């Protein structure tokens, strides 16, 4: 797997592969604060809610296999946050460091900018997650804070790192919508 993956919009048929990738991160990592993976029906419900909300949900495919996915969703539900999105990027175990996450995040940034969003927020589980923090820094995010010991998973307290990146004009102009 030395070639770059093909990026495309995720479809409902991708849910089993998306769930497989996510379940591994839930069970063996700290990127997600879920402790048990959702079932297929719940993962499909989440996917459909994002798509119906007009948010991008991308898949990376290499050699016919889904190797990563990324999506943006509403940062917070109150109306004043409507110009901000939160990103999520997951790469199949064993394929980190091959540029898959970077391709997904770059495409997500482009899509969200085109949709008129002004800020993207990354909430990274575990302040020791150098891969995700480094990816976001490389893509222009800045670290805006750390919420210390906000989660408890795998027998230890876990931080959340908050990172932010302006999209388009950011806060330099008023939004059109």
N, C-alpha and C. Protein backbone atom coordinates (compact mmCIF):
# COMPACT_ATOMS: atom_id res chain seq x y z
N UNK A 1 0.83 -1.19 0.00
CA UNK A 1 0.00 0.00 0.00
C UNK A 1 0.87 1.25 0.00
N UNK A 2 1.56 1.50 -1.09
CA UNK A 2 2.41 2.67 -1.18
C UNK A 2 1.75 3.81 -1.92
N UNK A 3 0.69 3.53 -2.68
CA UNK A 3 -0.01 4.57 -3.41
C UNK A 3 -0.88 5.38 -2.48
N UNK A 4 -1.29 6.54 -2.97
CA UNK A 4 -2.21 7.37 -2.20
C UNK A 4 -3.63 6.86 -2.40
N UNK A 5 -4.43 6.97 -1.37
CA UNK A 5 -5.81 6.49 -1.50
C UNK A 5 -6.64 7.43 -2.36
N UNK A 6 -7.75 6.91 -2.82
CA UNK A 6 -8.75 7.68 -3.54
C UNK A 6 -9.71 8.22 -2.49
N UNK A 7 -9.95 9.52 -2.53
CA UNK A 7 -10.91 10.12 -1.61
C UNK A 7 -12.25 10.26 -2.31
N UNK A 8 -13.31 10.00 -1.57
CA UNK A 8 -14.66 10.11 -2.10
C UNK A 8 -15.62 10.34 -0.95
N UNK A 9 -16.85 10.69 -1.29
CA UNK A 9 -17.87 10.79 -0.26
C UNK A 9 -18.16 9.39 0.27
N UNK A 10 -18.28 9.29 1.58
CA UNK A 10 -18.66 8.02 2.18
C UNK A 10 -20.12 7.74 1.84
N UNK A 11 -20.45 6.46 1.74
CA UNK A 11 -21.82 6.03 1.47
C UNK A 11 -22.23 5.01 2.54
N UNK A 12 -23.53 4.76 2.62
CA UNK A 12 -24.04 3.85 3.65
C UNK A 12 -23.37 2.48 3.60
N UNK A 13 -23.00 2.03 2.42
CA UNK A 13 -22.35 0.72 2.29
C UNK A 13 -20.97 0.69 2.97
N UNK A 14 -20.41 1.86 3.28
CA UNK A 14 -19.11 1.94 3.96
C UNK A 14 -19.21 1.74 5.47
N UNK A 15 -20.42 1.77 6.00
CA UNK A 15 -20.58 1.75 7.46
C UNK A 15 -19.91 0.55 8.12
N UNK A 16 -20.01 -0.66 7.61
CA UNK A 16 -19.30 -1.76 8.29
C UNK A 16 -17.79 -1.54 8.39
N UNK A 17 -17.16 -1.03 7.33
CA UNK A 17 -15.72 -0.78 7.36
C UNK A 17 -15.39 0.40 8.27
N UNK A 18 -16.23 1.43 8.24
CA UNK A 18 -16.05 2.58 9.13
C UNK A 18 -16.14 2.12 10.58
N UNK A 19 -17.13 1.30 10.87
CA UNK A 19 -17.30 0.79 12.23
C UNK A 19 -16.10 -0.06 12.65
N UNK A 20 -15.58 -0.85 11.74
CA UNK A 20 -14.41 -1.68 12.05
C UNK A 20 -13.21 -0.81 12.46
N UNK A 21 -12.97 0.24 11.69
CA UNK A 21 -11.87 1.16 12.00
C UNK A 21 -12.12 1.84 13.34
N UNK A 22 -13.32 2.36 13.51
CA UNK A 22 -13.66 3.10 14.73
C UNK A 22 -13.62 2.19 15.96
N UNK A 23 -14.15 0.99 15.84
CA UNK A 23 -14.20 0.06 16.98
C UNK A 23 -12.81 -0.22 17.52
N UNK A 24 -11.85 -0.36 16.63
CA UNK A 24 -10.48 -0.60 17.10
C UNK A 24 -9.98 0.58 17.94
N UNK A 25 -10.24 1.81 17.46
CA UNK A 25 -9.80 2.99 18.19
C UNK A 25 -10.54 3.12 19.53
N UNK A 26 -11.81 2.77 19.55
CA UNK A 26 -12.57 2.82 20.80
C UNK A 26 -12.00 1.83 21.81
N UNK A 27 -11.76 0.62 21.38
CA UNK A 27 -11.34 -0.45 22.29
C UNK A 27 -9.87 -0.37 22.69
N UNK A 28 -9.02 0.19 21.82
CA UNK A 28 -7.58 0.12 22.07
C UNK A 28 -6.88 1.47 22.15
N UNK A 29 -7.62 2.55 21.98
CA UNK A 29 -6.98 3.87 21.98
C UNK A 29 -7.73 4.88 22.83
N UNK A 30 -7.24 6.10 22.76
CA UNK A 30 -7.83 7.18 23.55
C UNK A 30 -8.36 8.32 22.68
N UNK A 31 -8.36 8.13 21.37
CA UNK A 31 -8.87 9.16 20.48
C UNK A 31 -10.36 9.40 20.70
N UNK A 32 -11.08 8.36 21.01
CA UNK A 32 -12.50 8.47 21.32
C UNK A 32 -12.69 8.17 22.79
N UNK A 33 -13.57 8.90 23.43
CA UNK A 33 -13.86 8.64 24.83
C UNK A 33 -15.00 7.65 25.01
N UNK A 34 -15.50 7.09 23.91
CA UNK A 34 -16.44 5.99 24.04
C UNK A 34 -15.66 4.79 24.57
N UNK A 35 -16.31 3.95 25.36
CA UNK A 35 -15.64 2.78 25.90
C UNK A 35 -16.07 1.50 25.22
N UNK A 36 -17.24 1.52 24.59
CA UNK A 36 -17.73 0.38 23.81
C UNK A 36 -18.13 0.91 22.43
N UNK A 37 -17.75 0.21 21.38
CA UNK A 37 -18.12 0.67 20.04
C UNK A 37 -19.63 0.62 19.85
N UNK A 38 -20.17 1.56 19.10
CA UNK A 38 -21.59 1.49 18.78
C UNK A 38 -21.85 0.31 17.86
N UNK A 39 -23.12 -0.09 17.78
CA UNK A 39 -23.45 -1.15 16.83
C UNK A 39 -23.65 -0.53 15.44
N UNK A 40 -23.85 -1.37 14.46
CA UNK A 40 -23.98 -0.91 13.08
C UNK A 40 -25.14 0.05 12.91
N UNK A 41 -26.27 -0.24 13.55
CA UNK A 41 -27.44 0.64 13.43
C UNK A 41 -27.15 2.04 13.97
N UNK A 42 -26.45 2.11 15.09
CA UNK A 42 -26.11 3.42 15.67
C UNK A 42 -25.11 4.16 14.80
N UNK A 43 -24.13 3.46 14.25
CA UNK A 43 -23.15 4.10 13.37
C UNK A 43 -23.84 4.64 12.12
N UNK A 44 -24.79 3.88 11.60
CA UNK A 44 -25.56 4.32 10.44
C UNK A 44 -26.40 5.55 10.79
N UNK A 45 -27.01 5.56 11.98
CA UNK A 45 -27.81 6.71 12.41
C UNK A 45 -26.94 7.96 12.48
N UNK A 46 -25.75 7.83 13.03
CA UNK A 46 -24.83 8.97 13.13
C UNK A 46 -24.43 9.48 11.75
N UNK A 47 -24.12 8.55 10.86
CA UNK A 47 -23.75 8.90 9.49
C UNK A 47 -24.89 9.65 8.80
N UNK A 48 -26.09 9.10 8.89
CA UNK A 48 -27.24 9.73 8.25
C UNK A 48 -27.54 11.11 8.82
N UNK A 49 -27.39 11.28 10.12
CA UNK A 49 -27.64 12.58 10.74
C UNK A 49 -26.67 13.63 10.22
N UNK A 50 -25.41 13.26 10.09
CA UNK A 50 -24.42 14.21 9.55
C UNK A 50 -24.72 14.56 8.10
N UNK A 51 -25.00 13.55 7.31
CA UNK A 51 -25.28 13.80 5.89
C UNK A 51 -26.55 14.63 5.70
N UNK A 52 -27.59 14.31 6.48
CA UNK A 52 -28.84 15.08 6.39
C UNK A 52 -28.64 16.52 6.86
N UNK A 53 -27.67 16.73 7.75
CA UNK A 53 -27.35 18.07 8.22
C UNK A 53 -26.49 18.86 7.24
N UNK A 54 -26.10 18.22 6.13
CA UNK A 54 -25.31 18.91 5.11
C UNK A 54 -23.82 18.91 5.39
N UNK A 55 -23.36 18.07 6.30
CA UNK A 55 -21.95 18.03 6.65
C UNK A 55 -21.21 17.01 5.78
N UNK A 56 -19.94 17.28 5.48
CA UNK A 56 -19.17 16.34 4.67
C UNK A 56 -18.73 15.11 5.48
N UNK A 57 -18.74 13.97 4.81
CA UNK A 57 -18.30 12.70 5.39
C UNK A 57 -17.53 12.00 4.29
N UNK A 58 -16.22 11.86 4.47
CA UNK A 58 -15.33 11.39 3.41
C UNK A 58 -14.76 10.02 3.73
N UNK A 59 -14.45 9.28 2.69
CA UNK A 59 -13.83 7.96 2.82
C UNK A 59 -12.56 7.95 1.99
N UNK A 60 -11.55 7.24 2.49
CA UNK A 60 -10.30 7.03 1.76
C UNK A 60 -10.22 5.55 1.45
N UNK A 61 -10.05 5.24 0.16
CA UNK A 61 -10.03 3.85 -0.29
C UNK A 61 -8.72 3.57 -1.01
N UNK A 62 -8.15 2.43 -0.70
CA UNK A 62 -6.89 2.02 -1.32
C UNK A 62 -6.99 0.54 -1.64
N UNK A 63 -6.83 0.22 -2.91
CA UNK A 63 -6.90 -1.18 -3.32
C UNK A 63 -8.23 -1.83 -2.98
N UNK A 64 -9.31 -1.07 -3.06
CA UNK A 64 -10.63 -1.60 -2.77
C UNK A 64 -10.96 -1.71 -1.29
N UNK A 65 -10.06 -1.25 -0.42
CA UNK A 65 -10.29 -1.33 1.02
C UNK A 65 -10.41 0.08 1.59
N UNK A 66 -11.38 0.28 2.47
CA UNK A 66 -11.52 1.54 3.17
C UNK A 66 -10.39 1.64 4.20
N UNK A 67 -9.55 2.67 4.07
CA UNK A 67 -8.38 2.79 4.94
C UNK A 67 -8.47 3.98 5.89
N UNK A 68 -9.52 4.77 5.76
CA UNK A 68 -9.71 5.89 6.65
C UNK A 68 -10.98 6.63 6.30
N UNK A 69 -11.40 7.46 7.23
CA UNK A 69 -12.57 8.29 6.99
C UNK A 69 -12.47 9.55 7.83
N UNK A 70 -13.19 10.56 7.43
CA UNK A 70 -13.21 11.83 8.15
C UNK A 70 -14.55 12.49 7.93
N UNK A 71 -14.97 13.23 8.92
CA UNK A 71 -16.20 13.98 8.77
C UNK A 71 -16.13 15.24 9.62
N UNK A 72 -17.01 16.17 9.30
CA UNK A 72 -17.18 17.36 10.12
C UNK A 72 -18.62 17.37 10.58
N UNK A 73 -18.81 17.86 11.78
CA UNK A 73 -20.15 17.98 12.33
C UNK A 73 -20.27 19.27 13.10
N UNK A 74 -21.46 19.53 13.51
CA UNK A 74 -21.75 20.73 14.28
C UNK A 74 -20.87 20.77 15.52
N UNK A 75 -20.22 21.90 15.77
CA UNK A 75 -19.34 22.00 16.94
C UNK A 75 -20.16 21.93 18.23
N UNK A 76 -21.19 22.73 18.32
CA UNK A 76 -22.10 22.71 19.47
C UNK A 76 -23.49 23.08 18.96
N UNK A 77 -24.54 22.69 19.67
CA UNK A 77 -25.89 22.86 19.13
C UNK A 77 -26.48 24.27 19.17
N UNK A 78 -25.98 25.16 19.98
CA UNK A 78 -26.59 26.49 20.07
C UNK A 78 -26.37 27.27 18.78
N UNK A 79 -27.35 28.09 18.37
CA UNK A 79 -27.28 28.79 17.08
C UNK A 79 -26.03 29.63 16.85
N UNK A 80 -25.48 30.22 17.87
CA UNK A 80 -24.31 31.09 17.68
C UNK A 80 -23.08 30.32 17.18
N UNK A 81 -23.09 29.01 17.33
CA UNK A 81 -21.97 28.18 16.88
C UNK A 81 -22.13 27.71 15.43
N UNK A 82 -23.15 28.15 14.73
CA UNK A 82 -23.50 27.60 13.41
C UNK A 82 -22.42 27.76 12.35
N UNK A 83 -21.45 28.61 12.59
CA UNK A 83 -20.38 28.82 11.60
C UNK A 83 -19.12 28.02 11.93
N UNK A 84 -19.22 27.18 12.96
CA UNK A 84 -18.07 26.39 13.39
C UNK A 84 -18.38 24.90 13.31
N UNK A 85 -17.39 24.13 12.91
CA UNK A 85 -17.53 22.68 12.82
C UNK A 85 -16.41 22.01 13.60
N UNK A 86 -16.65 20.76 13.97
CA UNK A 86 -15.64 19.93 14.63
C UNK A 86 -15.28 18.80 13.69
N UNK A 87 -14.00 18.53 13.58
CA UNK A 87 -13.56 17.46 12.68
C UNK A 87 -13.28 16.17 13.43
N UNK A 88 -13.40 15.07 12.71
CA UNK A 88 -13.00 13.74 13.19
C UNK A 88 -12.30 13.04 12.04
N UNK A 89 -11.14 12.47 12.33
CA UNK A 89 -10.34 11.76 11.32
C UNK A 89 -9.88 10.44 11.93
N UNK A 90 -10.16 9.34 11.24
CA UNK A 90 -9.72 8.02 11.71
C UNK A 90 -9.07 7.27 10.56
N UNK A 91 -7.94 6.64 10.87
CA UNK A 91 -7.19 5.86 9.89
C UNK A 91 -7.09 4.42 10.40
N UNK A 92 -7.20 3.49 9.46
CA UNK A 92 -7.11 2.07 9.81
C UNK A 92 -5.81 1.79 10.56
N UNK A 93 -5.91 0.98 11.58
CA UNK A 93 -4.75 0.61 12.39
C UNK A 93 -3.65 0.03 11.51
N UNK A 94 -2.43 0.46 11.76
CA UNK A 94 -1.28 0.00 11.01
C UNK A 94 -0.93 0.87 9.82
N UNK A 95 -1.79 1.85 9.50
CA UNK A 95 -1.55 2.70 8.33
C UNK A 95 -1.27 4.15 8.70
N UNK A 96 -1.13 4.44 9.97
CA UNK A 96 -0.82 5.81 10.39
C UNK A 96 0.55 6.21 9.85
N UNK A 97 0.70 7.50 9.58
CA UNK A 97 1.98 8.01 9.11
C UNK A 97 2.20 7.89 7.62
N UNK A 98 1.20 7.45 6.89
CA UNK A 98 1.33 7.28 5.43
C UNK A 98 0.64 8.39 4.63
N UNK A 99 0.18 9.42 5.32
CA UNK A 99 -0.44 10.55 4.64
C UNK A 99 -1.94 10.43 4.43
N UNK A 100 -2.54 9.37 4.90
CA UNK A 100 -3.99 9.17 4.71
C UNK A 100 -4.77 10.21 5.50
N UNK A 101 -4.41 10.38 6.76
CA UNK A 101 -5.08 11.38 7.59
C UNK A 101 -4.93 12.78 7.04
N UNK A 102 -3.74 13.07 6.54
CA UNK A 102 -3.49 14.41 5.97
C UNK A 102 -4.37 14.66 4.74
N UNK A 103 -4.48 13.66 3.87
CA UNK A 103 -5.34 13.81 2.68
C UNK A 103 -6.79 14.02 3.09
N UNK A 104 -7.24 13.23 4.05
CA UNK A 104 -8.62 13.35 4.51
C UNK A 104 -8.88 14.72 5.14
N UNK A 105 -7.98 15.16 6.01
CA UNK A 105 -8.18 16.45 6.68
C UNK A 105 -8.10 17.61 5.69
N UNK A 106 -7.18 17.54 4.74
CA UNK A 106 -7.08 18.60 3.72
C UNK A 106 -8.38 18.71 2.93
N UNK A 107 -8.93 17.57 2.54
CA UNK A 107 -10.18 17.58 1.78
C UNK A 107 -11.34 18.08 2.65
N UNK A 108 -11.33 17.72 3.91
CA UNK A 108 -12.38 18.16 4.83
C UNK A 108 -12.31 19.68 5.02
N UNK A 109 -11.11 20.21 5.17
CA UNK A 109 -10.94 21.66 5.28
C UNK A 109 -11.47 22.37 4.04
N UNK A 110 -11.15 21.84 2.89
CA UNK A 110 -11.60 22.43 1.62
C UNK A 110 -13.13 22.41 1.53
N UNK A 111 -13.73 21.27 1.85
CA UNK A 111 -15.19 21.15 1.78
C UNK A 111 -15.88 22.10 2.75
N UNK A 112 -15.38 22.15 3.96
CA UNK A 112 -16.02 22.99 4.98
C UNK A 112 -15.88 24.47 4.65
N UNK A 113 -14.75 24.84 4.07
CA UNK A 113 -14.56 26.23 3.63
C UNK A 113 -15.56 26.55 2.52
N UNK A 114 -15.69 25.65 1.55
CA UNK A 114 -16.64 25.86 0.44
C UNK A 114 -18.08 25.94 0.94
N UNK A 115 -18.38 25.27 2.02
CA UNK A 115 -19.73 25.31 2.59
C UNK A 115 -19.99 26.58 3.41
N UNK A 116 -18.96 27.40 3.59
CA UNK A 116 -19.12 28.67 4.27
C UNK A 116 -18.83 28.66 5.76
N UNK A 117 -18.34 27.55 6.27
CA UNK A 117 -17.98 27.53 7.69
C UNK A 117 -16.75 28.38 7.91
N UNK A 118 -16.59 28.94 9.10
CA UNK A 118 -15.52 29.88 9.39
C UNK A 118 -14.46 29.39 10.36
N UNK A 119 -14.78 28.37 11.16
CA UNK A 119 -13.82 27.84 12.12
C UNK A 119 -13.96 26.33 12.17
N UNK A 120 -12.82 25.66 12.29
CA UNK A 120 -12.85 24.22 12.52
C UNK A 120 -12.16 23.95 13.85
N UNK A 121 -12.80 23.16 14.66
CA UNK A 121 -12.31 22.81 15.98
C UNK A 121 -11.93 21.34 15.97
N UNK A 122 -10.79 21.04 16.55
CA UNK A 122 -10.37 19.65 16.76
C UNK A 122 -10.34 19.42 18.27
N UNK A 123 -11.01 18.39 18.71
CA UNK A 123 -10.96 18.01 20.12
C UNK A 123 -10.29 16.64 20.15
N UNK A 124 -9.03 16.66 20.54
CA UNK A 124 -8.18 15.47 20.45
C UNK A 124 -8.11 14.78 21.81
N UNK A 125 -8.54 13.53 21.83
CA UNK A 125 -8.44 12.75 23.06
C UNK A 125 -6.99 12.40 23.32
N UNK A 126 -6.52 12.71 24.52
CA UNK A 126 -5.19 12.36 25.00
C UNK A 126 -4.14 13.38 24.56
N UNK A 127 -3.62 14.11 25.51
CA UNK A 127 -2.58 15.10 25.22
C UNK A 127 -1.29 14.44 24.73
N UNK A 128 -1.19 13.12 24.87
CA UNK A 128 -0.04 12.39 24.36
C UNK A 128 -0.22 11.88 22.94
N UNK A 129 -1.31 12.25 22.29
CA UNK A 129 -1.60 11.79 20.93
C UNK A 129 -0.81 12.63 19.93
N UNK A 130 0.50 12.39 19.87
CA UNK A 130 1.39 13.19 19.03
C UNK A 130 1.01 13.13 17.55
N UNK A 131 0.51 11.99 17.09
CA UNK A 131 0.15 11.86 15.68
C UNK A 131 -0.97 12.81 15.29
N UNK A 132 -2.04 12.82 16.05
CA UNK A 132 -3.18 13.69 15.73
C UNK A 132 -2.84 15.16 15.96
N UNK A 133 -2.15 15.45 17.04
CA UNK A 133 -1.76 16.84 17.30
C UNK A 133 -0.83 17.33 16.19
N UNK A 134 0.14 16.51 15.80
CA UNK A 134 1.06 16.88 14.73
C UNK A 134 0.36 17.07 13.39
N UNK A 135 -0.58 16.18 13.08
CA UNK A 135 -1.35 16.32 11.85
C UNK A 135 -2.08 17.65 11.82
N UNK A 136 -2.77 17.96 12.91
CA UNK A 136 -3.54 19.21 12.94
C UNK A 136 -2.62 20.43 12.88
N UNK A 137 -1.50 20.39 13.57
CA UNK A 137 -0.54 21.50 13.49
C UNK A 137 -0.04 21.68 12.06
N UNK A 138 0.27 20.58 11.38
CA UNK A 138 0.77 20.63 10.00
C UNK A 138 -0.28 21.21 9.05
N UNK A 139 -1.56 21.10 9.43
CA UNK A 139 -2.64 21.60 8.58
C UNK A 139 -3.12 22.99 9.03
N UNK A 140 -2.32 23.65 9.86
CA UNK A 140 -2.60 25.04 10.21
C UNK A 140 -3.42 25.26 11.47
N UNK A 141 -3.69 24.22 12.22
CA UNK A 141 -4.42 24.39 13.47
C UNK A 141 -3.45 24.89 14.54
N UNK A 142 -3.98 25.63 15.48
CA UNK A 142 -3.18 26.05 16.62
C UNK A 142 -3.81 25.49 17.89
N UNK A 143 -2.97 25.18 18.82
CA UNK A 143 -3.44 24.64 20.10
C UNK A 143 -4.01 25.79 20.92
N UNK A 144 -5.27 25.67 21.32
CA UNK A 144 -5.91 26.74 22.07
C UNK A 144 -6.18 26.36 23.52
N UNK A 145 -5.93 25.12 23.88
CA UNK A 145 -6.11 24.75 25.27
C UNK A 145 -6.07 23.25 25.49
N UNK A 146 -5.97 22.90 26.75
CA UNK A 146 -6.02 21.51 27.18
C UNK A 146 -6.96 21.42 28.37
N UNK A 147 -7.90 20.53 28.29
CA UNK A 147 -8.77 20.26 29.43
C UNK A 147 -8.17 19.05 30.11
N UNK A 148 -7.62 19.26 31.26
CA UNK A 148 -6.87 18.20 31.92
C UNK A 148 -7.77 17.21 32.63
N UNK A 149 -7.43 15.94 32.49
CA UNK A 149 -8.09 14.85 33.21
C UNK A 149 -9.61 14.89 33.09
N UNK A 150 -10.10 15.19 31.92
CA UNK A 150 -11.55 15.31 31.70
C UNK A 150 -12.22 13.96 31.45
N UNK A 151 -11.44 12.99 31.05
CA UNK A 151 -11.97 11.65 30.81
C UNK A 151 -11.20 10.61 31.62
N UNK A 152 -11.86 9.49 31.85
CA UNK A 152 -11.19 8.37 32.52
C UNK A 152 -11.42 7.15 31.66
N UNK A 153 -10.36 6.61 31.10
CA UNK A 153 -10.46 5.48 30.19
C UNK A 153 -9.20 4.64 30.30
N UNK A 154 -9.36 3.35 30.17
CA UNK A 154 -8.24 2.41 30.22
C UNK A 154 -7.43 2.58 31.51
N UNK A 155 -8.14 2.83 32.59
CA UNK A 155 -7.52 2.89 33.91
C UNK A 155 -6.74 4.14 34.22
N UNK A 156 -6.94 5.20 33.42
CA UNK A 156 -6.20 6.44 33.71
C UNK A 156 -6.99 7.66 33.28
N UNK A 157 -6.61 8.80 33.86
CA UNK A 157 -7.20 10.07 33.48
C UNK A 157 -6.64 10.50 32.13
N UNK A 158 -7.51 11.08 31.31
CA UNK A 158 -7.12 11.46 29.95
C UNK A 158 -7.52 12.91 29.69
N UNK A 159 -6.60 13.66 29.09
CA UNK A 159 -6.85 15.05 28.73
C UNK A 159 -7.55 15.14 27.37
N UNK A 160 -8.11 16.29 27.09
CA UNK A 160 -8.57 16.64 25.74
C UNK A 160 -7.80 17.88 25.31
N UNK A 161 -7.25 17.83 24.12
CA UNK A 161 -6.52 18.96 23.55
C UNK A 161 -7.45 19.66 22.57
N UNK A 162 -7.58 20.96 22.71
CA UNK A 162 -8.42 21.75 21.83
C UNK A 162 -7.54 22.49 20.84
N UNK A 163 -7.86 22.32 19.56
CA UNK A 163 -7.12 23.00 18.50
C UNK A 163 -8.13 23.68 17.58
N UNK A 164 -7.69 24.74 16.92
CA UNK A 164 -8.61 25.54 16.11
C UNK A 164 -7.91 26.04 14.86
N UNK A 165 -8.68 26.14 13.78
CA UNK A 165 -8.16 26.69 12.52
C UNK A 165 -9.27 27.50 11.86
N UNK A 166 -8.91 28.69 11.41
CA UNK A 166 -9.86 29.51 10.67
C UNK A 166 -10.07 28.91 9.29
N UNK A 167 -11.28 29.05 8.78
CA UNK A 167 -11.63 28.62 7.43
C UNK A 167 -12.01 29.87 6.63
N UNK A 168 -11.57 29.94 5.40
CA UNK A 168 -11.90 31.10 4.57
C UNK A 168 -11.46 32.39 5.26
N UNK A 169 -12.37 33.34 5.38
CA UNK A 169 -12.07 34.62 6.03
C UNK A 169 -11.99 34.51 7.55
N UNK A 170 -12.35 33.36 8.09
CA UNK A 170 -12.36 33.23 9.54
C UNK A 170 -13.21 34.32 10.15
N UNK A 171 -12.64 35.06 11.09
CA UNK A 171 -13.40 36.14 11.73
C UNK A 171 -13.07 37.51 11.16
N UNK A 172 -12.41 37.54 9.99
CA UNK A 172 -12.02 38.82 9.37
C UNK A 172 -13.19 39.53 8.69
N UNK A 173 -14.29 38.83 8.49
CA UNK A 173 -15.48 39.45 7.89
C UNK A 173 -16.70 38.78 8.47
N UNK A 174 -17.84 39.42 8.29
CA UNK A 174 -19.09 38.86 8.77
C UNK A 174 -19.56 37.74 7.85
N UNK A 175 -20.18 36.73 8.38
CA UNK A 175 -20.70 35.63 7.54
C UNK A 175 -21.86 36.12 6.69
N UNK A 176 -22.04 35.49 5.54
CA UNK A 176 -23.12 35.87 4.64
C UNK A 176 -24.43 35.19 4.98
N UNK A 177 -24.37 34.11 5.78
CA UNK A 177 -25.60 33.43 6.12
C UNK A 177 -25.89 33.50 7.59
